[in-house]
N, C-alpha and C. Protein backbone atom coordinates (compact mmCIF):
# COMPACT_ATOMS: atom_id res chain seq x y z
N MET A 1 104.93 94.44 88.47
CA MET A 1 105.08 93.58 87.32
C MET A 1 106.44 93.87 86.67
N PRO A 2 107.19 92.82 86.36
CA PRO A 2 108.52 93.03 85.77
C PRO A 2 108.46 93.36 84.29
N VAL A 3 109.51 93.99 83.83
CA VAL A 3 109.71 94.27 82.41
C VAL A 3 110.89 93.43 81.96
N PHE A 4 110.70 92.60 80.95
CA PHE A 4 111.76 91.76 80.39
C PHE A 4 112.15 92.33 79.03
N GLU A 5 113.44 92.26 78.72
CA GLU A 5 113.92 92.69 77.41
C GLU A 5 114.35 91.47 76.61
N TYR A 6 113.97 91.48 75.33
CA TYR A 6 114.31 90.37 74.42
C TYR A 6 114.97 90.93 73.17
N GLU A 7 115.99 90.21 72.68
CA GLU A 7 116.64 90.57 71.42
C GLU A 7 116.20 89.58 70.36
N CYS A 8 115.79 90.11 69.22
CA CYS A 8 115.39 89.28 68.09
C CYS A 8 116.63 88.64 67.48
N ARG A 9 116.57 87.34 67.22
CA ARG A 9 117.72 86.65 66.63
C ARG A 9 117.89 86.99 65.16
N LYS A 10 116.86 87.55 64.53
CA LYS A 10 116.96 87.89 63.11
C LYS A 10 117.39 89.35 62.90
N CYS A 11 116.63 90.31 63.44
CA CYS A 11 116.91 91.72 63.18
C CYS A 11 117.74 92.38 64.28
N ARG A 12 117.97 91.69 65.38
CA ARG A 12 118.79 92.16 66.50
C ARG A 12 118.17 93.32 67.27
N ARG A 13 116.91 93.62 67.04
CA ARG A 13 116.23 94.69 67.77
C ARG A 13 115.92 94.21 69.18
N VAL A 14 116.15 95.07 70.18
CA VAL A 14 115.82 94.75 71.56
C VAL A 14 114.49 95.42 71.88
N SER A 15 113.55 94.64 72.41
CA SER A 15 112.22 95.14 72.74
C SER A 15 111.92 94.82 74.20
N SER A 16 111.16 95.71 74.85
CA SER A 16 110.78 95.55 76.25
C SER A 16 109.34 95.08 76.35
N PHE A 17 109.09 94.14 77.26
CA PHE A 17 107.76 93.57 77.43
C PHE A 17 107.36 93.62 78.90
N LEU A 18 106.16 94.14 79.16
CA LEU A 18 105.58 94.13 80.50
C LEU A 18 105.03 92.73 80.73
N VAL A 19 105.52 92.05 81.77
CA VAL A 19 105.14 90.67 82.02
C VAL A 19 104.20 90.61 83.22
N ARG A 20 102.98 90.22 82.96
CA ARG A 20 101.97 90.19 84.03
C ARG A 20 102.06 88.93 84.88
N ASN A 21 102.51 87.82 84.31
CA ASN A 21 102.61 86.56 85.04
C ASN A 21 103.94 85.89 84.68
N PRO A 22 105.04 86.20 85.41
CA PRO A 22 106.35 85.66 85.06
C PRO A 22 106.41 84.13 85.00
N SER A 23 105.64 83.45 85.83
CA SER A 23 105.72 81.98 85.85
C SER A 23 105.12 81.35 84.59
N ALA A 24 104.21 82.06 83.91
CA ALA A 24 103.60 81.52 82.70
C ALA A 24 104.13 82.20 81.43
N HIS A 25 105.09 83.10 81.60
CA HIS A 25 105.61 83.88 80.47
C HIS A 25 106.48 83.03 79.54
N LYS A 26 106.30 83.23 78.24
CA LYS A 26 107.11 82.56 77.22
C LYS A 26 107.76 83.64 76.35
N PRO A 27 108.96 83.37 75.80
CA PRO A 27 109.60 84.37 74.93
C PRO A 27 108.67 84.78 73.79
N PRO A 28 108.50 86.09 73.59
CA PRO A 28 107.59 86.57 72.55
C PRO A 28 108.25 86.60 71.17
N ALA A 29 107.44 86.71 70.15
CA ALA A 29 107.94 86.95 68.79
C ALA A 29 108.38 88.41 68.72
N CYS A 30 109.27 88.72 67.80
CA CYS A 30 109.75 90.09 67.61
C CYS A 30 108.61 90.97 67.11
N PRO A 31 108.31 92.08 67.82
CA PRO A 31 107.23 92.95 67.36
C PRO A 31 107.60 93.74 66.11
N ARG A 32 108.89 93.82 65.78
CA ARG A 32 109.32 94.58 64.61
C ARG A 32 109.23 93.75 63.33
N CYS A 33 109.86 92.55 63.34
CA CYS A 33 109.90 91.76 62.10
C CYS A 33 109.06 90.48 62.18
N GLY A 34 108.54 90.15 63.38
CA GLY A 34 107.69 88.98 63.53
C GLY A 34 108.43 87.66 63.71
N HIS A 35 109.77 87.70 63.71
CA HIS A 35 110.54 86.46 63.87
C HIS A 35 110.19 85.82 65.22
N PRO A 36 109.96 84.50 65.25
CA PRO A 36 109.50 83.85 66.47
C PRO A 36 110.59 83.62 67.53
N GLU A 37 111.88 83.74 67.16
CA GLU A 37 112.95 83.45 68.12
C GLU A 37 113.55 84.73 68.69
N THR A 38 113.39 84.90 70.01
CA THR A 38 114.00 86.02 70.72
C THR A 38 114.76 85.48 71.91
N THR A 39 115.76 86.23 72.36
CA THR A 39 116.60 85.83 73.49
C THR A 39 116.47 86.87 74.58
N ARG A 40 116.23 86.43 75.80
CA ARG A 40 116.10 87.36 76.92
C ARG A 40 117.45 87.99 77.21
N MET A 41 117.45 89.31 77.44
CA MET A 41 118.67 90.08 77.66
C MET A 41 118.83 90.40 79.14
N PHE A 42 120.07 90.65 79.54
CA PHE A 42 120.32 91.18 80.88
C PHE A 42 119.91 92.65 80.85
N SER A 43 119.19 93.09 81.85
CA SER A 43 118.73 94.47 81.89
C SER A 43 119.31 95.18 83.09
N ARG A 44 119.56 96.48 82.93
CA ARG A 44 119.94 97.30 84.08
C ARG A 44 118.67 97.49 84.90
N PHE A 45 118.82 97.64 86.18
CA PHE A 45 117.66 97.83 87.01
C PHE A 45 118.03 98.75 88.16
N ALA A 46 117.03 99.30 88.80
CA ALA A 46 117.25 100.17 89.94
C ALA A 46 116.74 99.48 91.19
N SER A 47 117.44 99.67 92.29
CA SER A 47 116.99 99.14 93.57
C SER A 47 116.93 100.30 94.55
N VAL A 48 116.00 100.23 95.48
CA VAL A 48 115.84 101.30 96.45
C VAL A 48 116.62 100.96 97.71
N LYS A 49 117.47 101.89 98.13
CA LYS A 49 118.26 101.74 99.35
C LYS A 49 118.21 103.05 100.10
N SER A 50 117.94 103.00 101.37
CA SER A 50 117.93 104.18 102.22
C SER A 50 117.07 105.30 101.64
N GLY A 51 115.95 104.93 101.02
CA GLY A 51 115.03 105.92 100.52
C GLY A 51 115.38 106.54 99.19
N ARG A 52 116.44 106.06 98.52
CA ARG A 52 116.77 106.61 97.20
C ARG A 52 117.09 105.47 96.25
N ALA A 53 116.84 105.68 94.98
CA ALA A 53 117.09 104.65 93.97
C ALA A 53 118.55 104.69 93.55
N GLU A 54 119.15 103.52 93.40
CA GLU A 54 120.51 103.41 92.92
C GLU A 54 120.50 102.45 91.75
N THR A 55 121.20 102.81 90.68
CA THR A 55 121.26 101.94 89.51
C THR A 55 122.30 100.86 89.75
N SER A 56 121.88 99.61 89.60
CA SER A 56 122.83 98.51 89.73
C SER A 56 123.69 98.48 88.48
N GLY A 57 124.89 97.99 88.59
CA GLY A 57 125.81 97.96 87.47
C GLY A 57 127.19 98.35 87.94
N GLU A 58 127.30 98.80 89.17
CA GLU A 58 128.58 99.10 89.76
C GLU A 58 128.80 98.13 90.91
N ALA A 59 130.07 97.98 91.32
CA ALA A 59 130.38 97.08 92.43
C ALA A 59 129.59 97.51 93.65
N GLY A 60 129.13 96.58 94.41
CA GLY A 60 128.37 96.90 95.61
C GLY A 60 127.63 95.68 96.08
N PRO A 61 126.82 95.84 97.12
CA PRO A 61 126.13 94.69 97.69
C PRO A 61 125.18 93.99 96.73
N ASP A 62 124.64 94.72 95.71
CA ASP A 62 123.72 94.09 94.78
C ASP A 62 124.43 93.17 93.79
N LEU A 63 125.73 93.42 93.52
CA LEU A 63 126.48 92.65 92.53
C LEU A 63 127.83 92.22 93.11
N PRO A 64 127.82 91.23 94.01
CA PRO A 64 129.08 90.81 94.61
C PRO A 64 130.10 90.31 93.60
N ALA A 65 129.66 89.90 92.42
CA ALA A 65 130.60 89.41 91.41
C ALA A 65 131.56 90.51 90.97
N LEU A 66 131.17 91.78 91.15
CA LEU A 66 132.01 92.88 90.70
C LEU A 66 132.93 93.44 91.79
N GLU A 67 132.80 92.95 93.01
CA GLU A 67 133.65 93.44 94.08
C GLU A 67 135.11 93.13 93.80
N GLY A 68 135.95 94.16 93.88
CA GLY A 68 137.38 93.98 93.68
C GLY A 68 137.78 93.67 92.25
N LEU A 69 136.93 93.94 91.29
CA LEU A 69 137.20 93.63 89.89
C LEU A 69 138.33 94.50 89.35
N ASP A 70 139.32 93.87 88.72
CA ASP A 70 140.40 94.59 88.04
C ASP A 70 139.92 94.83 86.61
N GLU A 71 139.49 96.05 86.32
CA GLU A 71 138.90 96.35 85.02
C GLU A 71 139.91 96.27 83.88
N ASN A 72 141.20 96.16 84.19
CA ASN A 72 142.22 96.05 83.15
C ASN A 72 142.56 94.59 82.83
N ASP A 73 141.91 93.65 83.51
CA ASP A 73 142.18 92.23 83.31
C ASP A 73 140.98 91.58 82.61
N PRO A 74 141.12 91.26 81.30
CA PRO A 74 139.98 90.68 80.59
C PRO A 74 139.50 89.36 81.19
N ARG A 75 140.43 88.57 81.73
CA ARG A 75 140.03 87.29 82.34
C ARG A 75 139.13 87.53 83.55
N ALA A 76 139.49 88.51 84.37
CA ALA A 76 138.68 88.84 85.54
C ALA A 76 137.31 89.36 85.12
N LEU A 77 137.28 90.16 84.05
CA LEU A 77 136.01 90.68 83.55
C LEU A 77 135.11 89.54 83.07
N GLY A 78 135.68 88.60 82.32
CA GLY A 78 134.92 87.45 81.85
C GLY A 78 134.38 86.61 83.00
N ARG A 79 135.23 86.36 84.01
CA ARG A 79 134.78 85.59 85.18
C ARG A 79 133.65 86.31 85.91
N ALA A 80 133.78 87.64 86.04
CA ALA A 80 132.75 88.42 86.74
C ALA A 80 131.43 88.37 85.98
N MET A 81 131.49 88.45 84.65
CA MET A 81 130.25 88.39 83.86
C MET A 81 129.57 87.03 84.01
N ARG A 82 130.37 85.97 84.00
CA ARG A 82 129.80 84.63 84.16
C ARG A 82 129.19 84.48 85.56
N LYS A 83 129.90 85.00 86.57
CA LYS A 83 129.40 84.90 87.95
C LYS A 83 128.11 85.70 88.13
N MET A 84 128.02 86.87 87.47
CA MET A 84 126.78 87.66 87.55
C MET A 84 125.61 86.87 86.97
N ALA A 85 125.85 86.19 85.86
CA ALA A 85 124.78 85.38 85.27
C ALA A 85 124.34 84.29 86.23
N GLU A 86 125.30 83.66 86.90
CA GLU A 86 124.97 82.61 87.88
C GLU A 86 124.19 83.19 89.05
N GLU A 87 124.63 84.35 89.55
CA GLU A 87 123.98 84.97 90.71
C GLU A 87 122.56 85.43 90.40
N THR A 88 122.32 85.89 89.18
CA THR A 88 120.98 86.36 88.82
C THR A 88 120.09 85.24 88.32
N GLY A 89 120.69 84.09 87.97
CA GLY A 89 119.91 82.98 87.44
C GLY A 89 119.52 83.16 85.99
N GLU A 90 120.08 84.16 85.33
CA GLU A 90 119.77 84.43 83.93
C GLU A 90 120.67 83.61 83.02
N PRO A 91 120.12 83.01 81.98
CA PRO A 91 120.98 82.32 81.01
C PRO A 91 121.76 83.34 80.19
N ILE A 92 122.95 82.96 79.76
CA ILE A 92 123.76 83.84 78.92
C ILE A 92 123.40 83.57 77.46
N PRO A 93 122.94 84.61 76.73
CA PRO A 93 122.63 84.42 75.31
C PRO A 93 123.88 83.97 74.56
N PRO A 94 123.73 83.25 73.44
CA PRO A 94 124.89 82.70 72.72
C PRO A 94 125.96 83.72 72.35
N GLU A 95 125.56 84.91 71.87
CA GLU A 95 126.55 85.92 71.49
C GLU A 95 127.33 86.41 72.70
N MET A 96 126.63 86.59 73.82
CA MET A 96 127.30 87.04 75.04
C MET A 96 128.21 85.95 75.58
N ASP A 97 127.78 84.69 75.49
CA ASP A 97 128.60 83.58 75.96
C ASP A 97 129.91 83.53 75.17
N GLN A 98 129.82 83.77 73.87
CA GLN A 98 131.03 83.79 73.03
C GLN A 98 131.97 84.90 73.52
N MET A 99 131.41 86.08 73.81
CA MET A 99 132.22 87.19 74.28
C MET A 99 132.86 86.86 75.63
N VAL A 100 132.10 86.27 76.55
CA VAL A 100 132.61 85.93 77.87
C VAL A 100 133.74 84.90 77.75
N ARG A 101 133.56 83.90 76.90
CA ARG A 101 134.62 82.89 76.70
C ARG A 101 135.90 83.53 76.18
N ARG A 102 135.76 84.48 75.26
CA ARG A 102 136.94 85.16 74.71
C ARG A 102 137.62 86.01 75.77
N LEU A 103 136.84 86.67 76.62
CA LEU A 103 137.43 87.44 77.72
C LEU A 103 138.16 86.51 78.69
N GLU A 104 137.51 85.39 79.03
CA GLU A 104 138.14 84.42 79.95
C GLU A 104 139.44 83.87 79.39
N ALA A 105 139.56 83.85 78.05
CA ALA A 105 140.79 83.38 77.42
C ALA A 105 141.85 84.48 77.37
N GLY A 106 141.48 85.69 77.79
CA GLY A 106 142.44 86.78 77.86
C GLY A 106 142.49 87.68 76.64
N GLU A 107 141.52 87.55 75.73
CA GLU A 107 141.52 88.41 74.53
C GLU A 107 141.22 89.86 74.91
N ASP A 108 141.70 90.76 74.08
CA ASP A 108 141.52 92.19 74.27
C ASP A 108 140.05 92.56 74.12
N PRO A 109 139.43 93.19 75.16
CA PRO A 109 138.01 93.56 75.08
C PRO A 109 137.71 94.49 73.91
N GLU A 110 138.62 95.40 73.58
CA GLU A 110 138.38 96.33 72.47
C GLU A 110 138.32 95.58 71.15
N LYS A 111 139.19 94.59 70.97
CA LYS A 111 139.18 93.79 69.74
C LYS A 111 137.86 93.02 69.63
N ILE A 112 137.45 92.42 70.74
CA ILE A 112 136.18 91.68 70.75
C ILE A 112 135.04 92.62 70.38
N GLY A 113 135.04 93.82 70.98
CA GLY A 113 133.99 94.80 70.70
C GLY A 113 133.93 95.20 69.24
N GLU A 114 135.11 95.40 68.64
CA GLU A 114 135.15 95.77 67.22
C GLU A 114 134.58 94.65 66.35
N GLU A 115 134.93 93.41 66.67
CA GLU A 115 134.47 92.28 65.87
C GLU A 115 132.97 92.02 66.04
N MET A 116 132.44 92.37 67.20
CA MET A 116 131.02 92.14 67.46
C MET A 116 130.19 93.39 67.20
N GLU A 117 130.80 94.41 66.64
CA GLU A 117 130.13 95.69 66.41
C GLU A 117 128.85 95.57 65.60
N GLY A 118 128.79 94.64 64.68
CA GLY A 118 127.60 94.47 63.86
C GLY A 118 126.38 94.06 64.65
N LEU A 119 126.58 93.59 65.87
CA LEU A 119 125.45 93.17 66.70
C LEU A 119 124.89 94.31 67.54
N GLU A 120 125.48 95.50 67.40
CA GLU A 120 125.10 96.62 68.25
C GLU A 120 124.57 97.77 67.42
N SER A 121 123.96 98.71 68.10
CA SER A 121 123.51 99.93 67.43
C SER A 121 124.68 100.91 67.41
N GLY A 122 124.50 102.08 66.84
CA GLY A 122 125.57 103.05 66.70
C GLY A 122 126.15 103.55 68.00
N ASP A 123 125.39 103.51 69.10
CA ASP A 123 125.92 104.04 70.36
C ASP A 123 126.60 102.97 71.20
N GLY A 124 126.79 101.77 70.67
CA GLY A 124 127.48 100.70 71.41
C GLY A 124 126.56 99.82 72.22
N SER A 125 125.26 100.11 72.22
CA SER A 125 124.32 99.26 72.95
C SER A 125 123.51 98.47 71.93
N PRO A 126 122.91 97.35 72.36
CA PRO A 126 122.07 96.61 71.41
C PRO A 126 120.98 97.51 70.86
N ALA A 127 120.66 97.33 69.59
CA ALA A 127 119.63 98.16 68.97
C ALA A 127 118.31 97.96 69.72
N GLY A 128 117.71 99.04 70.16
CA GLY A 128 116.49 98.93 70.94
C GLY A 128 115.49 100.00 70.53
N GLU A 129 114.38 100.02 71.24
CA GLU A 129 113.35 101.01 70.98
C GLU A 129 112.72 101.39 72.30
N ASP A 130 111.92 102.46 72.30
CA ASP A 130 111.34 102.97 73.54
C ASP A 130 109.94 102.44 73.83
N THR A 131 109.39 101.59 72.98
CA THR A 131 108.03 101.07 73.15
C THR A 131 108.01 99.93 74.16
N LEU A 132 107.03 99.93 75.05
CA LEU A 132 106.84 98.84 76.00
C LEU A 132 105.67 97.99 75.49
N TYR A 133 105.93 96.73 75.20
CA TYR A 133 104.91 95.81 74.66
C TYR A 133 104.30 95.00 75.80
N ASP A 134 103.08 94.57 75.60
CA ASP A 134 102.41 93.72 76.58
C ASP A 134 102.91 92.30 76.37
N GLY A 135 103.56 91.72 77.37
CA GLY A 135 104.14 90.39 77.23
C GLY A 135 103.33 89.34 77.86
C-alpha cells in the first residue's frame, strides 16, 4: 500500500497518509487544522536493486531527467524538475510550479529559496510530522 504526502494549503503542514485503494483515493482534509484543501507532494522513495535499497533522488536509471544535470545551471535544474514531474505523472503544486518557472527563466536558486522560505520549516524542508494517517 502506498503512502502519499499532502501539504495543507492553509497551515503548510505536510502529512503522510496510508492509501489502501489508490484508484478511489481523494485528497484528504488537513489532520492538523481541518482545512479541506491539500496538495499532493513529491515524495522521496526507496527502490530495491541487487538486493539492497537505494534512495531515489540522485541521477541514475530511476530518474533519467537528472542524468548529466549541470547543478550550477538554474535553467537546467528547472527543466529537470519539470521533466521529473512528467516522468512520474505527478502534478506540480502551484508553489513548486512558480519555483520551476523562475529556475527555467534563469533566476538564482538561492534567491528563490530565500523568498520562498516562509513556505518551509526551519530545516529547509516543508513543515511535516511523523504521524502516518489512514487515507
